[in-house]
Protein backbone atom coordinates (compact mmCIF):
# COMPACT_ATOMS: atom_id res chain seq x y z
CA MET A 1 5.06 -17.16 3.52
CA HIS A 2 8.32 -17.25 5.46
CA ASP A 3 9.37 -13.66 4.93
CA ASP A 4 10.49 -11.63 7.87
CA GLU A 5 8.83 -8.37 8.84
CA ALA A 6 11.20 -6.24 6.76
CA ALA A 7 10.61 -8.25 3.60
CA ILE A 8 6.84 -8.12 4.04
CA ILE A 9 6.83 -4.34 4.50
CA LEU A 10 9.23 -3.69 1.61
CA LYS A 11 7.46 -6.03 -0.83
CA GLY A 12 4.07 -4.62 0.11
CA HIS A 13 5.36 -1.09 -0.32
CA LEU A 14 6.78 -1.93 -3.77
CA LEU A 15 3.53 -3.55 -4.95
CA ILE A 16 1.51 -0.58 -3.74
CA GLU A 17 3.82 1.90 -5.48
CA TYR A 18 3.54 -0.16 -8.66
CA SER A 19 -0.26 0.18 -8.47
CA LEU A 20 -0.07 3.91 -7.75
CA ASN A 21 2.14 4.34 -10.81
CA ARG A 22 -0.43 2.46 -12.92
CA ILE A 23 -3.16 4.85 -11.76
CA ILE A 24 -0.98 7.87 -12.52
CA GLU A 25 -0.07 6.58 -15.99
CA LYS A 26 -3.64 5.74 -16.96
CA LYS A 27 -5.61 8.54 -15.32
CA LEU A 28 -3.42 11.64 -15.34
CA THR A 29 -2.10 13.55 -18.33
CA THR A 30 0.85 14.86 -16.33
CA SER A 31 2.01 11.34 -15.53
CA THR A 32 5.68 11.86 -16.39
CA LYS A 33 6.00 14.66 -13.84
CA LEU A 34 3.96 12.84 -11.18
CA LEU A 35 5.85 9.56 -11.53
CA LYS A 36 8.97 11.40 -10.33
CA LEU A 37 7.34 12.27 -7.00
CA ASN A 38 8.24 10.27 -3.91
CA PHE A 39 5.83 7.67 -2.56
CA SER A 40 4.16 9.92 0.00
CA GLN A 41 3.68 12.74 -2.51
CA LYS A 42 2.08 10.33 -5.01
CA VAL A 43 -0.41 9.15 -2.39
CA LYS A 44 -1.34 12.70 -1.39
CA GLU A 45 -1.66 13.84 -5.01
CA LEU A 46 -3.89 10.90 -5.98
CA CYS A 47 -6.10 11.49 -2.94
CA ARG A 48 -6.26 15.23 -3.67
CA ARG A 49 -7.45 14.45 -7.20
CA GLY A 50 -10.11 12.05 -5.93
CA LEU A 51 -8.40 8.92 -7.26
CA LEU A 52 -7.89 7.36 -3.80
CA SER A 53 -10.33 7.20 -0.91
CA THR A 54 -9.36 8.65 2.46
CA PRO A 55 -9.40 5.24 4.23
CA LEU A 56 -7.16 3.78 1.54
CA GLN A 57 -4.84 6.77 1.87
CA GLU A 58 -4.67 6.32 5.66
CA ASN A 59 -3.73 2.65 5.36
CA ILE A 60 -1.12 3.31 2.69
CA GLU A 61 0.38 6.14 4.76
CA ARG A 62 0.40 3.84 7.82
CA LEU A 63 2.42 1.25 5.89
CA ASN A 64 4.72 4.00 4.56
CA ARG A 65 5.43 5.15 8.14
CA PHE A 66 6.38 1.58 9.08
CA ARG A 67 8.62 1.37 6.01
CA ASN A 68 10.34 4.65 6.87
CA LYS A 69 10.95 3.53 10.45
CA LEU A 70 12.26 0.22 9.18
CA VAL A 71 14.89 1.79 6.95
CA HIS A 72 15.95 4.47 9.45
CA GLN A 73 15.91 2.62 12.79
CA LEU A 74 17.86 -0.48 13.70
CA ASP A 75 15.58 -1.47 16.57
CA PHE A 76 12.22 -0.88 14.86
CA SER A 77 9.18 -2.63 16.33
CA ILE A 78 5.56 -1.77 16.92
CA ASN A 79 3.18 -2.27 19.82
CA ARG A 80 -0.18 -4.00 19.62
CA GLU A 81 -1.80 -0.56 19.99
CA ASP A 82 -0.19 0.46 16.68
CA MET A 83 -1.67 -2.48 14.76
CA LEU A 84 -4.50 -0.52 13.17
CA PHE A 85 -6.52 -0.65 9.96
CA THR A 86 -8.98 1.91 8.57
CA LYS A 87 -12.13 0.36 7.12
CA ASP A 88 -13.87 1.80 4.04
CA SER A 89 -16.42 3.32 6.44
CA GLY A 90 -13.62 5.35 8.04
CA GLU A 91 -13.74 3.36 11.27
CA VAL A 92 -10.29 2.58 12.64
CA MET A 93 -9.99 -0.88 14.08
CA ASN A 94 -7.25 -2.55 16.07
CA ILE A 95 -5.98 -5.81 14.55
CA LYS A 96 -5.47 -8.46 17.18
CA PRO A 97 -2.86 -10.88 15.88
CA LYS A 98 -3.17 -14.57 16.55
CA LYS A 99 -1.26 -15.77 19.55
CA ALA A 100 1.81 -16.74 17.62
CA ARG A 101 5.54 -16.31 17.74
CA TYR A 102 5.53 -13.34 15.39
CA PRO A 103 2.49 -11.07 15.92
CA GLU A 104 4.10 -8.19 13.98
CA ARG A 105 4.67 -10.43 10.97
CA TYR A 106 1.02 -11.51 11.06
CA TYR A 107 -0.15 -7.87 11.23
CA TYR A 108 2.11 -6.71 8.37
CA ARG A 109 0.86 -9.54 6.16
CA LEU A 110 -2.74 -8.60 6.92
CA LEU A 111 -2.11 -4.89 6.39
CA CYS A 112 -0.23 -5.32 3.10
CA GLY A 113 -2.67 -7.91 1.79
CA ALA A 114 -5.70 -5.79 2.66
CA ILE A 115 -4.24 -2.62 1.12
CA ILE A 116 -3.26 -4.41 -2.09
CA THR A 117 -6.68 -6.07 -2.34
CA LEU A 118 -8.56 -2.81 -1.71
CA LEU A 119 -6.31 -0.89 -4.09
CA THR A 120 -6.66 -3.48 -6.87
CA ASN A 121 -10.45 -3.59 -6.46
CA HIS A 122 -10.57 0.21 -6.50
CA MET A 123 -8.47 0.32 -9.67
CA VAL A 124 -10.62 -2.21 -11.52
CA ILE A 125 -14.11 -1.30 -10.27
CA ASN A 126 -13.97 2.45 -9.69
CA LEU A 127 -11.16 3.70 -11.91
CA LYS A 128 -11.40 1.13 -14.73
CA VAL A 129 -7.62 0.74 -14.69
CA ASP A 130 -6.12 -2.67 -15.38
CA PRO A 131 -3.53 -3.25 -12.64
CA ARG A 132 -1.32 -5.28 -15.00
CA TYR A 133 1.15 -3.96 -17.52
CA LEU A 134 -0.44 -5.51 -20.58
CA GLU A 135 2.34 -4.25 -22.81
CA ASP A 136 4.87 -6.14 -20.71
CA THR A 137 2.94 -9.40 -20.90
CA LYS A 138 2.82 -9.16 -24.72
CA LYS A 139 6.62 -8.89 -24.85
CA ILE A 140 7.06 -11.96 -22.67
CA LYS A 141 5.03 -14.24 -24.96
């Protein structure tokens, strides 16, 4: 809960890539080749194959742009006009952060949380892919 903006973006990005890798492993026969793609290429390939919806792709790409700016610019920040989210209907809405000390942090938490929730629901309901590595949990026990 006390992460800074960079940690929120990076953790969200990692969790999303983890989920994308699960979809690739479970749904595509060429998974070994596709797992070597970079994040952006994985998103485009999954959308091209109909395994991600366009709104989900837009939100993931939005977060990826923030992540890329974060790692390449020392003075990275966003304006309130950039705090967007694409609904399942395709409608793009502006997120109005609470009046708080860190509006960017609030927006990044909402964006990452919403993407991860939508992606997990999509995996379970539409793709019938378990988002967990069941093999890993067996080894832990």
